[in-house]
Amino acid sequence: MAEIDTKLAQLGNRSESSTGAVNPPIYLTTAYRHGGIGQSSGYDYVRTGNPTREILEKAIADLEEGDRGFACSSGMAAIWTVLSLFAHGDEWIVSKDLYGGTYRLLEQGFKKWGLNSTYADMADLNEIKSAITPRTKALFVETPTNPLMEQADIKAIAKIAKENGILLIVDNTFYTPLLQKPLTIGADIVIHSATKYLGGHNDVLAG
């Protein structure tokens, strides 16, 4: 916990090299000036990059011990972003107990666009194995689930995913990196609704 506390206390520190400001500014600009044609500062347009947002992205990636983080406008936007990795006709296996917003997105949105979801009890490894088909591309696990707080053995599920050449995606919203780091035990992608425990479920909407 002490290591995480230190990381959290140092978020954004030493990121403003031009002024040495300990507390980084909030960049509100939508566009960036370049020194000349073809001379990018590394930032072109706010949709593709923003120094303030990058501090958050790097922080979450660091806390999760991942390679890269991507900030989204909400947790559902983060899930939508991950779903966009898949193609028409693909299938994935999803936690049977699931956040209602995610369920509606799958059944009322992506299902009619050709991404089919099979629901399984993620505490039952045999049920997961039997649900896998040649079209299965990923396992999507909420642990603990919302609302029933059911837990899954990420390490055991990761073994199944690796054996079948499919991705393991974990929604880590309820535990956060303070209590669980799915990437360190076999997950490929981690998703958060940062609105909830990361943000305090008060004044932040993010994913």
N, C-alpha and C. Protein backbone atom coordinates (compact mmCIF):
# COMPACT_ATOMS: atom_id res chain seq x y z
N MET A 1 0.82 -1.21 0.00
CA MET A 1 0.00 0.00 0.00
C MET A 1 0.86 1.26 0.00
N ALA A 2 1.99 1.20 0.71
CA ALA A 2 2.86 2.39 0.79
C ALA A 2 3.35 2.80 -0.59
N GLU A 3 3.70 1.81 -1.43
CA GLU A 3 4.18 2.11 -2.77
C GLU A 3 3.09 2.81 -3.59
N ILE A 4 1.85 2.31 -3.50
CA ILE A 4 0.74 2.91 -4.23
C ILE A 4 0.45 4.31 -3.70
N ASP A 5 0.50 4.48 -2.39
CA ASP A 5 0.28 5.81 -1.81
C ASP A 5 1.29 6.81 -2.35
N THR A 6 2.54 6.37 -2.48
CA THR A 6 3.59 7.25 -3.01
C THR A 6 3.31 7.61 -4.47
N LYS A 7 2.92 6.62 -5.26
CA LYS A 7 2.61 6.87 -6.67
C LYS A 7 1.45 7.85 -6.80
N LEU A 8 0.42 7.66 -5.99
CA LEU A 8 -0.74 8.55 -6.05
C LEU A 8 -0.37 9.97 -5.65
N ALA A 9 0.48 10.09 -4.65
CA ALA A 9 0.89 11.42 -4.19
C ALA A 9 1.74 12.15 -5.22
N GLN A 10 2.39 11.39 -6.11
CA GLN A 10 3.31 11.98 -7.08
C GLN A 10 2.69 12.15 -8.47
N LEU A 11 1.40 11.89 -8.61
CA LEU A 11 0.76 11.99 -9.93
C LEU A 11 0.98 13.37 -10.54
N GLY A 12 1.54 13.40 -11.73
CA GLY A 12 1.73 14.66 -12.43
C GLY A 12 2.94 15.45 -12.01
N ASN A 13 3.58 15.06 -10.92
CA ASN A 13 4.77 15.78 -10.47
C ASN A 13 5.90 15.62 -11.49
N ARG A 14 6.64 16.68 -11.70
CA ARG A 14 7.77 16.71 -12.64
C ARG A 14 7.32 16.51 -14.09
N SER A 15 6.06 16.76 -14.39
CA SER A 15 5.58 16.63 -15.76
C SER A 15 5.67 17.94 -16.53
N GLU A 16 5.83 19.05 -15.83
CA GLU A 16 5.86 20.38 -16.46
C GLU A 16 7.30 20.89 -16.46
N SER A 17 8.09 20.37 -17.40
CA SER A 17 9.52 20.68 -17.43
C SER A 17 9.82 22.12 -17.83
N SER A 18 8.93 22.74 -18.60
CA SER A 18 9.21 24.10 -19.08
C SER A 18 9.17 25.13 -17.95
N THR A 19 8.35 24.88 -16.92
CA THR A 19 8.24 25.83 -15.81
C THR A 19 8.66 25.26 -14.47
N GLY A 20 8.68 23.93 -14.38
CA GLY A 20 8.99 23.30 -13.11
C GLY A 20 7.83 23.26 -12.15
N ALA A 21 6.63 23.59 -12.63
CA ALA A 21 5.45 23.58 -11.77
C ALA A 21 5.21 22.17 -11.20
N VAL A 22 5.05 22.09 -9.89
CA VAL A 22 4.79 20.80 -9.25
C VAL A 22 3.38 20.32 -9.56
N ASN A 23 2.44 21.25 -9.56
CA ASN A 23 1.06 20.91 -9.90
C ASN A 23 0.83 21.22 -11.37
N PRO A 24 0.62 20.22 -12.22
CA PRO A 24 0.51 20.47 -13.66
C PRO A 24 -0.74 21.26 -14.00
N PRO A 25 -0.69 22.07 -15.04
CA PRO A 25 -1.86 22.85 -15.44
C PRO A 25 -2.91 21.99 -16.13
N ILE A 26 -4.11 22.51 -16.22
CA ILE A 26 -5.16 21.87 -17.00
C ILE A 26 -5.16 22.52 -18.37
N TYR A 27 -4.81 21.74 -19.38
CA TYR A 27 -4.75 22.27 -20.74
C TYR A 27 -6.13 22.21 -21.38
N LEU A 28 -6.67 23.37 -21.71
CA LEU A 28 -8.02 23.45 -22.29
C LEU A 28 -8.00 23.64 -23.80
N THR A 29 -6.83 23.76 -24.39
CA THR A 29 -6.74 24.01 -25.82
C THR A 29 -7.23 22.81 -26.64
N THR A 30 -7.81 23.11 -27.80
CA THR A 30 -8.23 22.03 -28.70
C THR A 30 -7.23 21.78 -29.81
N ALA A 31 -6.36 22.75 -30.07
CA ALA A 31 -5.37 22.61 -31.14
C ALA A 31 -4.01 23.10 -30.63
N TYR A 32 -2.95 22.71 -31.35
CA TYR A 32 -1.59 23.01 -30.92
C TYR A 32 -0.79 23.63 -32.06
N ARG A 33 0.01 24.62 -31.71
CA ARG A 33 0.85 25.30 -32.71
C ARG A 33 2.10 24.46 -32.96
N HIS A 34 2.51 24.41 -34.23
CA HIS A 34 3.72 23.69 -34.62
C HIS A 34 4.78 24.69 -35.10
N GLY A 35 6.03 24.29 -34.96
CA GLY A 35 7.13 25.16 -35.37
C GLY A 35 7.21 25.36 -36.87
N GLY A 36 6.68 24.43 -37.61
CA GLY A 36 6.71 24.52 -39.07
C GLY A 36 6.00 23.32 -39.67
N ILE A 37 5.95 23.26 -40.99
CA ILE A 37 5.29 22.16 -41.67
C ILE A 37 6.01 20.86 -41.33
N GLY A 38 5.24 19.88 -40.87
CA GLY A 38 5.81 18.59 -40.53
C GLY A 38 6.55 18.57 -39.20
N GLN A 39 6.50 19.65 -38.45
CA GLN A 39 7.20 19.72 -37.16
C GLN A 39 6.17 19.66 -36.02
N SER A 40 5.79 18.47 -35.66
CA SER A 40 4.79 18.29 -34.61
C SER A 40 5.45 18.34 -33.24
N SER A 41 4.75 18.93 -32.30
CA SER A 41 5.22 18.96 -30.92
C SER A 41 4.91 17.65 -30.19
N GLY A 42 4.23 16.75 -30.89
CA GLY A 42 3.74 15.53 -30.27
C GLY A 42 2.25 15.60 -29.99
N TYR A 43 1.72 16.81 -30.11
CA TYR A 43 0.28 17.03 -29.94
C TYR A 43 -0.25 17.75 -31.17
N ASP A 44 -1.36 17.26 -31.70
CA ASP A 44 -1.94 17.85 -32.90
C ASP A 44 -3.36 18.37 -32.67
N TYR A 45 -4.17 17.52 -32.04
CA TYR A 45 -5.57 17.87 -31.82
C TYR A 45 -6.02 17.21 -30.53
N VAL A 46 -6.86 17.87 -29.78
CA VAL A 46 -7.20 17.41 -28.43
C VAL A 46 -7.83 16.02 -28.42
N ARG A 47 -8.50 15.65 -29.50
CA ARG A 47 -9.12 14.33 -29.55
C ARG A 47 -8.06 13.22 -29.51
N THR A 48 -6.89 13.49 -30.08
CA THR A 48 -5.85 12.46 -30.15
C THR A 48 -4.79 12.59 -29.07
N GLY A 49 -4.74 13.72 -28.38
CA GLY A 49 -3.74 13.86 -27.34
C GLY A 49 -3.88 15.15 -26.56
N ASN A 50 -3.67 15.07 -25.26
CA ASN A 50 -3.76 16.24 -24.38
C ASN A 50 -2.83 15.99 -23.19
N PRO A 51 -1.95 16.92 -22.85
CA PRO A 51 -0.99 16.69 -21.77
C PRO A 51 -1.64 16.37 -20.42
N THR A 52 -2.74 17.02 -20.11
CA THR A 52 -3.42 16.75 -18.84
C THR A 52 -3.99 15.34 -18.83
N ARG A 53 -4.64 14.97 -19.92
CA ARG A 53 -5.23 13.64 -20.01
C ARG A 53 -4.15 12.55 -19.95
N GLU A 54 -3.00 12.83 -20.55
CA GLU A 54 -1.93 11.85 -20.56
C GLU A 54 -1.41 11.54 -19.15
N ILE A 55 -1.46 12.52 -18.26
CA ILE A 55 -1.04 12.27 -16.88
C ILE A 55 -1.94 11.21 -16.25
N LEU A 56 -3.25 11.33 -16.48
CA LEU A 56 -4.20 10.34 -15.97
C LEU A 56 -3.94 8.98 -16.61
N GLU A 57 -3.76 8.96 -17.93
CA GLU A 57 -3.57 7.70 -18.64
C GLU A 57 -2.31 6.97 -18.15
N LYS A 58 -1.24 7.71 -17.99
CA LYS A 58 0.01 7.11 -17.52
C LYS A 58 -0.12 6.63 -16.08
N ALA A 59 -0.86 7.39 -15.27
CA ALA A 59 -1.03 7.03 -13.86
C ALA A 59 -1.79 5.72 -13.71
N ILE A 60 -2.90 5.58 -14.44
CA ILE A 60 -3.69 4.35 -14.33
C ILE A 60 -2.91 3.16 -14.87
N ALA A 61 -2.21 3.36 -15.99
CA ALA A 61 -1.39 2.28 -16.55
C ALA A 61 -0.32 1.85 -15.56
N ASP A 62 0.28 2.82 -14.90
CA ASP A 62 1.32 2.52 -13.91
C ASP A 62 0.75 1.77 -12.72
N LEU A 63 -0.39 2.22 -12.22
CA LEU A 63 -1.02 1.57 -11.07
C LEU A 63 -1.44 0.14 -11.40
N GLU A 64 -1.89 -0.08 -12.64
CA GLU A 64 -2.32 -1.41 -13.07
C GLU A 64 -1.15 -2.27 -13.56
N GLU A 65 0.04 -1.65 -13.63
CA GLU A 65 1.23 -2.32 -14.17
C GLU A 65 1.01 -2.75 -15.62
N GLY A 66 0.42 -1.82 -16.38
CA GLY A 66 0.17 -2.07 -17.79
C GLY A 66 1.08 -1.26 -18.68
N ASP A 67 1.00 -1.50 -19.99
CA ASP A 67 1.84 -0.81 -20.96
C ASP A 67 1.30 0.57 -21.32
N ARG A 68 -0.02 0.69 -21.37
CA ARG A 68 -0.62 1.94 -21.85
C ARG A 68 -2.03 2.10 -21.29
N GLY A 69 -2.42 3.32 -21.07
CA GLY A 69 -3.78 3.60 -20.64
C GLY A 69 -4.45 4.58 -21.58
N PHE A 70 -5.76 4.49 -21.68
CA PHE A 70 -6.53 5.40 -22.53
C PHE A 70 -7.71 5.94 -21.74
N ALA A 71 -7.79 7.25 -21.62
CA ALA A 71 -8.90 7.88 -20.90
C ALA A 71 -10.09 8.05 -21.84
N CYS A 72 -11.27 7.77 -21.32
CA CYS A 72 -12.50 7.89 -22.10
C CYS A 72 -13.50 8.77 -21.33
N SER A 73 -14.56 9.14 -22.01
CA SER A 73 -15.53 10.06 -21.41
C SER A 73 -16.39 9.41 -20.33
N SER A 74 -16.41 8.08 -20.29
CA SER A 74 -17.17 7.36 -19.27
C SER A 74 -16.71 5.91 -19.27
N GLY A 75 -17.17 5.15 -18.26
CA GLY A 75 -16.87 3.73 -18.25
C GLY A 75 -17.50 3.01 -19.43
N MET A 76 -18.71 3.41 -19.80
CA MET A 76 -19.36 2.80 -20.95
C MET A 76 -18.62 3.12 -22.24
N ALA A 77 -18.05 4.33 -22.33
CA ALA A 77 -17.25 4.68 -23.50
C ALA A 77 -16.00 3.81 -23.57
N ALA A 78 -15.43 3.47 -22.41
CA ALA A 78 -14.26 2.59 -22.37
C ALA A 78 -14.63 1.19 -22.87
N ILE A 79 -15.79 0.69 -22.44
CA ILE A 79 -16.25 -0.62 -22.90
C ILE A 79 -16.53 -0.59 -24.40
N TRP A 80 -17.16 0.48 -24.87
CA TRP A 80 -17.44 0.63 -26.30
C TRP A 80 -16.13 0.61 -27.09
N THR A 81 -15.12 1.29 -26.58
CA THR A 81 -13.82 1.33 -27.26
C THR A 81 -13.23 -0.07 -27.40
N VAL A 82 -13.32 -0.86 -26.34
CA VAL A 82 -12.80 -2.23 -26.40
C VAL A 82 -13.63 -3.08 -27.35
N LEU A 83 -14.94 -2.91 -27.32
CA LEU A 83 -15.80 -3.67 -28.23
C LEU A 83 -15.49 -3.39 -29.69
N SER A 84 -15.01 -2.19 -29.97
CA SER A 84 -14.70 -1.83 -31.36
C SER A 84 -13.50 -2.60 -31.91
N LEU A 85 -12.81 -3.35 -31.05
CA LEU A 85 -11.70 -4.19 -31.52
C LEU A 85 -12.21 -5.40 -32.30
N PHE A 86 -13.49 -5.73 -32.12
CA PHE A 86 -14.02 -6.96 -32.68
C PHE A 86 -14.80 -6.71 -33.97
N ALA A 87 -15.00 -7.78 -34.72
CA ALA A 87 -15.63 -7.67 -36.03
C ALA A 87 -16.99 -8.38 -36.04
N HIS A 88 -17.76 -8.09 -37.07
CA HIS A 88 -19.05 -8.74 -37.28
C HIS A 88 -18.85 -10.26 -37.31
N GLY A 89 -19.66 -10.96 -36.54
CA GLY A 89 -19.57 -12.41 -36.49
C GLY A 89 -18.73 -12.95 -35.34
N ASP A 90 -17.98 -12.06 -34.68
CA ASP A 90 -17.20 -12.49 -33.52
C ASP A 90 -18.12 -12.76 -32.34
N GLU A 91 -17.63 -13.57 -31.42
CA GLU A 91 -18.37 -13.86 -30.20
C GLU A 91 -17.46 -13.62 -29.00
N TRP A 92 -18.08 -13.28 -27.87
CA TRP A 92 -17.31 -13.26 -26.63
C TRP A 92 -18.18 -13.76 -25.50
N ILE A 93 -17.53 -14.23 -24.46
CA ILE A 93 -18.22 -14.80 -23.31
C ILE A 93 -18.15 -13.78 -22.18
N VAL A 94 -19.30 -13.52 -21.58
CA VAL A 94 -19.44 -12.41 -20.64
C VAL A 94 -19.97 -12.92 -19.30
N SER A 95 -19.58 -12.24 -18.22
CA SER A 95 -20.10 -12.58 -16.89
C SER A 95 -21.63 -12.59 -16.90
N LYS A 96 -22.20 -13.64 -16.33
CA LYS A 96 -23.66 -13.76 -16.29
C LYS A 96 -24.28 -12.63 -15.46
N ASP A 97 -23.68 -12.35 -14.31
CA ASP A 97 -24.10 -11.18 -13.54
C ASP A 97 -23.29 -10.00 -14.06
N LEU A 98 -23.96 -8.98 -14.55
CA LEU A 98 -23.29 -7.93 -15.31
C LEU A 98 -23.96 -6.59 -15.05
N TYR A 99 -23.16 -5.54 -15.04
CA TYR A 99 -23.70 -4.19 -14.91
C TYR A 99 -24.77 -3.95 -15.98
N GLY A 100 -25.90 -3.41 -15.59
CA GLY A 100 -27.03 -3.25 -16.50
C GLY A 100 -26.71 -2.43 -17.73
N GLY A 101 -25.91 -1.39 -17.58
CA GLY A 101 -25.55 -0.57 -18.73
C GLY A 101 -24.74 -1.34 -19.75
N THR A 102 -23.85 -2.21 -19.28
CA THR A 102 -23.06 -3.05 -20.18
C THR A 102 -23.95 -4.05 -20.89
N TYR A 103 -24.86 -4.67 -20.14
CA TYR A 103 -25.79 -5.64 -20.73
C TYR A 103 -26.62 -4.99 -21.84
N ARG A 104 -27.15 -3.81 -21.59
CA ARG A 104 -27.97 -3.14 -22.60
C ARG A 104 -27.13 -2.78 -23.83
N LEU A 105 -25.90 -2.36 -23.62
CA LEU A 105 -25.03 -2.03 -24.75
C LEU A 105 -24.81 -3.26 -25.62
N LEU A 106 -24.60 -4.40 -24.99
CA LEU A 106 -24.37 -5.64 -25.74
C LEU A 106 -25.62 -6.11 -26.46
N GLU A 107 -26.76 -6.10 -25.77
CA GLU A 107 -27.97 -6.68 -26.32
C GLU A 107 -28.74 -5.74 -27.24
N GLN A 108 -28.72 -4.46 -26.97
CA GLN A 108 -29.47 -3.51 -27.78
C GLN A 108 -28.59 -2.80 -28.82
N GLY A 109 -27.30 -2.93 -28.66
CA GLY A 109 -26.39 -2.28 -29.59
C GLY A 109 -25.57 -3.26 -30.40
N PHE A 110 -24.55 -3.82 -29.78
CA PHE A 110 -23.58 -4.62 -30.52
C PHE A 110 -24.14 -5.93 -31.05
N LYS A 111 -25.17 -6.46 -30.43
CA LYS A 111 -25.76 -7.70 -30.92
C LYS A 111 -26.32 -7.51 -32.32
N LYS A 112 -27.02 -6.39 -32.55
CA LYS A 112 -27.60 -6.17 -33.88
C LYS A 112 -26.54 -5.78 -34.90
N TRP A 113 -25.32 -5.47 -34.41
CA TRP A 113 -24.21 -5.17 -35.31
C TRP A 113 -23.31 -6.38 -35.53
N GLY A 114 -23.75 -7.53 -34.97
CA GLY A 114 -23.06 -8.77 -35.29
C GLY A 114 -22.05 -9.27 -34.28
N LEU A 115 -21.96 -8.64 -33.11
CA LEU A 115 -21.09 -9.16 -32.04
C LEU A 115 -21.98 -9.86 -31.02
N ASN A 116 -21.85 -11.16 -30.94
CA ASN A 116 -22.74 -11.96 -30.11
C ASN A 116 -22.13 -12.27 -28.75
N SER A 117 -22.93 -12.18 -27.71
CA SER A 117 -22.47 -12.43 -26.35
C SER A 117 -23.11 -13.70 -25.80
N THR A 118 -22.28 -14.53 -25.19
CA THR A 118 -22.75 -15.70 -24.45
C THR A 118 -22.47 -15.44 -22.98
N TYR A 119 -23.45 -15.69 -22.12
CA TYR A 119 -23.30 -15.37 -20.70
C TYR A 119 -22.99 -16.63 -19.90
N ALA A 120 -21.97 -16.52 -19.04
CA ALA A 120 -21.53 -17.68 -18.27
C ALA A 120 -21.25 -17.28 -16.82
N ASP A 121 -21.40 -18.25 -15.94
CA ASP A 121 -21.02 -18.06 -14.54
C ASP A 121 -19.50 -18.12 -14.48
N MET A 122 -18.86 -17.01 -14.22
CA MET A 122 -17.40 -16.96 -14.26
C MET A 122 -16.74 -17.66 -13.07
N ALA A 123 -17.55 -18.10 -12.12
CA ALA A 123 -17.01 -18.91 -11.02
C ALA A 123 -16.98 -20.39 -11.39
N ASP A 124 -17.60 -20.74 -12.51
CA ASP A 124 -17.67 -22.13 -12.97
C ASP A 124 -16.78 -22.28 -14.20
N LEU A 125 -15.58 -22.79 -14.00
CA LEU A 125 -14.61 -22.89 -15.09
C LEU A 125 -15.08 -23.83 -16.19
N ASN A 126 -15.79 -24.89 -15.83
CA ASN A 126 -16.30 -25.82 -16.84
C ASN A 126 -17.35 -25.16 -17.72
N GLU A 127 -18.16 -24.30 -17.12
CA GLU A 127 -19.17 -23.59 -17.90
C GLU A 127 -18.50 -22.64 -18.90
N ILE A 128 -17.43 -22.01 -18.48
CA ILE A 128 -16.68 -21.13 -19.38
C ILE A 128 -16.12 -21.94 -20.55
N LYS A 129 -15.48 -23.06 -20.23
CA LYS A 129 -14.86 -23.89 -21.27
C LYS A 129 -15.89 -24.38 -22.28
N SER A 130 -17.05 -24.80 -21.78
CA SER A 130 -18.07 -25.35 -22.68
C SER A 130 -18.71 -24.27 -23.56
N ALA A 131 -18.59 -23.01 -23.16
CA ALA A 131 -19.19 -21.92 -23.94
C ALA A 131 -18.29 -21.45 -25.08
N ILE A 132 -17.03 -21.85 -25.07
CA ILE A 132 -16.08 -21.39 -26.09
C ILE A 132 -16.36 -22.10 -27.42
N THR A 133 -16.40 -21.32 -28.49
CA THR A 133 -16.59 -21.84 -29.85
C THR A 133 -15.45 -21.32 -30.73
N PRO A 134 -15.36 -21.82 -31.96
CA PRO A 134 -14.31 -21.31 -32.86
C PRO A 134 -14.42 -19.80 -33.13
N ARG A 135 -15.59 -19.22 -32.88
CA ARG A 135 -15.78 -17.78 -33.12
C ARG A 135 -15.48 -16.92 -31.89
N THR A 136 -15.24 -17.56 -30.76
CA THR A 136 -15.00 -16.81 -29.52
C THR A 136 -13.67 -16.08 -29.60
N LYS A 137 -13.72 -14.78 -29.37
CA LYS A 137 -12.51 -13.95 -29.43
C LYS A 137 -12.05 -13.45 -28.07
N ALA A 138 -12.96 -13.45 -27.08
CA ALA A 138 -12.58 -12.89 -25.78
C ALA A 138 -13.50 -13.36 -24.68
N LEU A 139 -12.97 -13.26 -23.45
CA LEU A 139 -13.76 -13.43 -22.24
C LEU A 139 -13.83 -12.07 -21.57
N PHE A 140 -15.03 -11.65 -21.18
CA PHE A 140 -15.21 -10.37 -20.49
C PHE A 140 -15.71 -10.65 -19.09
N VAL A 141 -14.89 -10.31 -18.11
CA VAL A 141 -15.18 -10.67 -16.72
C VAL A 141 -15.31 -9.43 -15.86
N GLU A 142 -16.45 -9.30 -15.19
CA GLU A 142 -16.58 -8.32 -14.10
C GLU A 142 -16.26 -9.06 -12.82
N THR A 143 -15.33 -8.56 -12.04
CA THR A 143 -15.04 -9.18 -10.76
C THR A 143 -14.46 -8.17 -9.79
N PRO A 144 -15.19 -7.87 -8.71
CA PRO A 144 -16.54 -8.35 -8.38
C PRO A 144 -17.57 -7.76 -9.34
N THR A 145 -18.69 -8.48 -9.45
CA THR A 145 -19.73 -8.04 -10.38
C THR A 145 -20.59 -6.94 -9.76
N ASN A 146 -21.27 -6.24 -10.65
CA ASN A 146 -22.22 -5.21 -10.24
C ASN A 146 -23.60 -5.65 -10.75
N PRO A 147 -24.54 -6.00 -9.87
CA PRO A 147 -24.62 -5.59 -8.46
C PRO A 147 -24.34 -6.68 -7.43
N LEU A 148 -24.20 -7.94 -7.81
CA LEU A 148 -24.21 -9.02 -6.81
C LEU A 148 -22.87 -9.25 -6.13
N MET A 149 -21.83 -8.58 -6.57
CA MET A 149 -20.49 -8.68 -5.97
C MET A 149 -19.93 -10.10 -6.03
N GLU A 150 -20.25 -10.82 -7.10
CA GLU A 150 -19.68 -12.15 -7.29
C GLU A 150 -18.25 -12.03 -7.80
N GLN A 151 -17.39 -12.94 -7.35
CA GLN A 151 -15.99 -12.87 -7.71
C GLN A 151 -15.59 -14.02 -8.62
N ALA A 152 -14.54 -13.80 -9.39
CA ALA A 152 -14.03 -14.81 -10.31
C ALA A 152 -12.54 -14.98 -10.09
N ASP A 153 -12.05 -16.17 -10.41
CA ASP A 153 -10.62 -16.48 -10.30
C ASP A 153 -9.94 -16.05 -11.60
N ILE A 154 -9.40 -14.86 -11.61
CA ILE A 154 -8.82 -14.30 -12.84
C ILE A 154 -7.69 -15.18 -13.36
N LYS A 155 -6.86 -15.66 -12.46
CA LYS A 155 -5.70 -16.46 -12.87
C LYS A 155 -6.15 -17.74 -13.58
N ALA A 156 -7.16 -18.41 -13.04
CA ALA A 156 -7.66 -19.64 -13.65
C ALA A 156 -8.34 -19.36 -14.98
N ILE A 157 -9.08 -18.27 -15.05
CA ILE A 157 -9.75 -17.90 -16.31
C ILE A 157 -8.72 -17.50 -17.35
N ALA A 158 -7.67 -16.83 -16.93
CA ALA A 158 -6.60 -16.44 -17.86
C ALA A 158 -5.96 -17.67 -18.49
N LYS A 159 -5.82 -18.73 -17.72
CA LYS A 159 -5.25 -19.98 -18.24
C LYS A 159 -6.14 -20.54 -19.35
N ILE A 160 -7.44 -20.50 -19.14
CA ILE A 160 -8.37 -20.97 -20.17
C ILE A 160 -8.26 -20.10 -21.42
N ALA A 161 -8.19 -18.79 -21.22
CA ALA A 161 -8.08 -17.87 -22.36
C ALA A 161 -6.81 -18.14 -23.17
N LYS A 162 -5.70 -18.32 -22.49
CA LYS A 162 -4.42 -18.56 -23.18
C LYS A 162 -4.45 -19.89 -23.93
N GLU A 163 -5.04 -20.90 -23.32
CA GLU A 163 -5.12 -22.21 -23.96
C GLU A 163 -5.94 -22.17 -25.25
N ASN A 164 -6.87 -21.21 -25.32
CA ASN A 164 -7.75 -21.12 -26.49
C ASN A 164 -7.42 -19.95 -27.40
N GLY A 165 -6.35 -19.24 -27.10
CA GLY A 165 -5.91 -18.14 -27.96
C GLY A 165 -6.89 -16.98 -28.02
N ILE A 166 -7.55 -16.69 -26.89
CA ILE A 166 -8.51 -15.59 -26.86
C ILE A 166 -8.11 -14.58 -25.79
N LEU A 167 -8.65 -13.38 -25.90
CA LEU A 167 -8.32 -12.31 -24.96
C LEU A 167 -9.11 -12.45 -23.66
N LEU A 168 -8.48 -11.98 -22.58
CA LEU A 168 -9.20 -11.87 -21.32
C LEU A 168 -9.29 -10.39 -20.96
N ILE A 169 -10.52 -9.89 -20.88
CA ILE A 169 -10.79 -8.49 -20.54
C ILE A 169 -11.46 -8.46 -19.17
N VAL A 170 -10.93 -7.66 -18.27
CA VAL A 170 -11.46 -7.61 -16.90
C VAL A 170 -11.94 -6.20 -16.57
N ASP A 171 -13.17 -6.11 -16.10
CA ASP A 171 -13.68 -4.85 -15.56
C ASP A 171 -13.30 -4.81 -14.08
N ASN A 172 -12.36 -3.93 -13.76
CA ASN A 172 -11.79 -3.85 -12.41
C ASN A 172 -12.35 -2.67 -11.62
N THR A 173 -13.54 -2.23 -12.00
CA THR A 173 -14.12 -1.03 -11.41
C THR A 173 -14.24 -1.09 -9.89
N PHE A 174 -14.74 -2.20 -9.37
CA PHE A 174 -15.05 -2.24 -7.94
C PHE A 174 -13.82 -2.45 -7.05
N TYR A 175 -12.80 -3.15 -7.54
CA TYR A 175 -11.62 -3.36 -6.70
C TYR A 175 -10.56 -2.29 -6.90
N THR A 176 -10.45 -1.77 -8.12
CA THR A 176 -9.40 -0.80 -8.47
C THR A 176 -8.02 -1.43 -8.29
N PRO A 177 -6.95 -0.77 -8.76
CA PRO A 177 -5.61 -1.34 -8.60
C PRO A 177 -5.15 -1.42 -7.14
N LEU A 178 -5.87 -0.78 -6.23
CA LEU A 178 -5.51 -0.89 -4.81
C LEU A 178 -5.67 -2.32 -4.30
N LEU A 179 -6.67 -3.03 -4.81
CA LEU A 179 -6.98 -4.36 -4.29
C LEU A 179 -6.75 -5.47 -5.30
N GLN A 180 -6.66 -5.15 -6.59
CA GLN A 180 -6.55 -6.19 -7.61
C GLN A 180 -5.89 -5.64 -8.86
N LYS A 181 -4.92 -6.37 -9.39
CA LYS A 181 -4.23 -5.96 -10.62
C LYS A 181 -4.33 -7.11 -11.64
N PRO A 182 -5.41 -7.14 -12.40
CA PRO A 182 -5.65 -8.26 -13.31
C PRO A 182 -4.53 -8.51 -14.32
N LEU A 183 -3.87 -7.45 -14.78
CA LEU A 183 -2.82 -7.63 -15.78
C LEU A 183 -1.66 -8.47 -15.24
N THR A 184 -1.44 -8.42 -13.95
CA THR A 184 -0.32 -9.16 -13.36
C THR A 184 -0.63 -10.64 -13.19
N ILE A 185 -1.89 -11.02 -13.37
CA ILE A 185 -2.26 -12.43 -13.20
C ILE A 185 -2.93 -12.99 -14.46
N GLY A 186 -2.65 -12.37 -15.60
CA GLY A 186 -3.05 -12.99 -16.86
C GLY A 186 -4.02 -12.25 -17.75
N ALA A 187 -4.65 -11.18 -17.26
CA ALA A 187 -5.58 -10.43 -18.12
C ALA A 187 -4.82 -9.68 -19.20
N ASP A 188 -5.49 -9.43 -20.32
CA ASP A 188 -4.89 -8.69 -21.43
C ASP A 188 -5.30 -7.22 -21.43
N ILE A 189 -6.53 -6.95 -21.03
CA ILE A 189 -7.07 -5.59 -21.02
C ILE A 189 -7.85 -5.39 -19.72
N VAL A 190 -7.69 -4.22 -19.11
CA VAL A 190 -8.46 -3.87 -17.91
C VAL A 190 -9.29 -2.62 -18.20
N ILE A 191 -10.52 -2.65 -17.75
CA ILE A 191 -11.44 -1.52 -17.93
C ILE A 191 -11.88 -1.00 -16.56
N HIS A 192 -12.08 0.31 -16.48
CA HIS A 192 -12.63 0.91 -15.27
C HIS A 192 -13.76 1.87 -15.64
N SER A 193 -14.79 1.89 -14.81
CA SER A 193 -15.64 3.07 -14.75
C SER A 193 -14.99 3.95 -13.69
N ALA A 194 -14.21 4.92 -14.14
CA ALA A 194 -13.49 5.79 -13.19
C ALA A 194 -14.46 6.67 -12.40
N THR A 195 -15.70 6.73 -12.86
CA THR A 195 -16.73 7.47 -12.14
C THR A 195 -16.92 6.93 -10.73
N LYS A 196 -16.79 5.64 -10.58
CA LYS A 196 -17.13 4.99 -9.31
C LYS A 196 -15.98 5.09 -8.30
N TYR A 197 -15.29 4.00 -8.02
CA TYR A 197 -14.33 4.03 -6.92
C TYR A 197 -13.10 4.88 -7.21
N LEU A 198 -12.64 4.92 -8.43
CA LEU A 198 -11.48 5.77 -8.74
C LEU A 198 -11.80 7.24 -8.53
N GLY A 199 -13.00 7.65 -8.93
CA GLY A 199 -13.37 9.06 -8.84
C GLY A 199 -14.21 9.43 -7.64
N GLY A 200 -14.66 8.43 -6.88
CA GLY A 200 -15.45 8.71 -5.69
C GLY A 200 -16.95 8.76 -5.91
N HIS A 201 -17.41 8.46 -7.13
CA HIS A 201 -18.85 8.46 -7.46
C HIS A 201 -19.51 9.75 -7.01
N ASN A 202 -18.88 10.85 -7.37
CA ASN A 202 -19.34 12.14 -6.86
C ASN A 202 -19.36 13.19 -7.95
N ASP A 203 -18.18 13.59 -8.43
CA ASP A 203 -18.13 14.73 -9.36
C ASP A 203 -17.31 14.46 -10.62
N VAL A 204 -17.00 13.19 -10.90
CA VAL A 204 -16.20 12.83 -12.07
C VAL A 204 -16.94 11.80 -12.90
N LEU A 205 -16.96 12.00 -14.21
CA LEU A 205 -17.46 11.00 -15.16
C LEU A 205 -16.31 10.66 -16.08
N ALA A 206 -15.86 9.39 -16.04
CA ALA A 206 -14.70 9.02 -16.85
C ALA A 206 -14.58 7.50 -16.91
N GLY A 207 -13.77 7.04 -17.85
CA GLY A 207 -13.50 5.61 -17.99
C GLY A 207 -12.09 5.38 -18.46
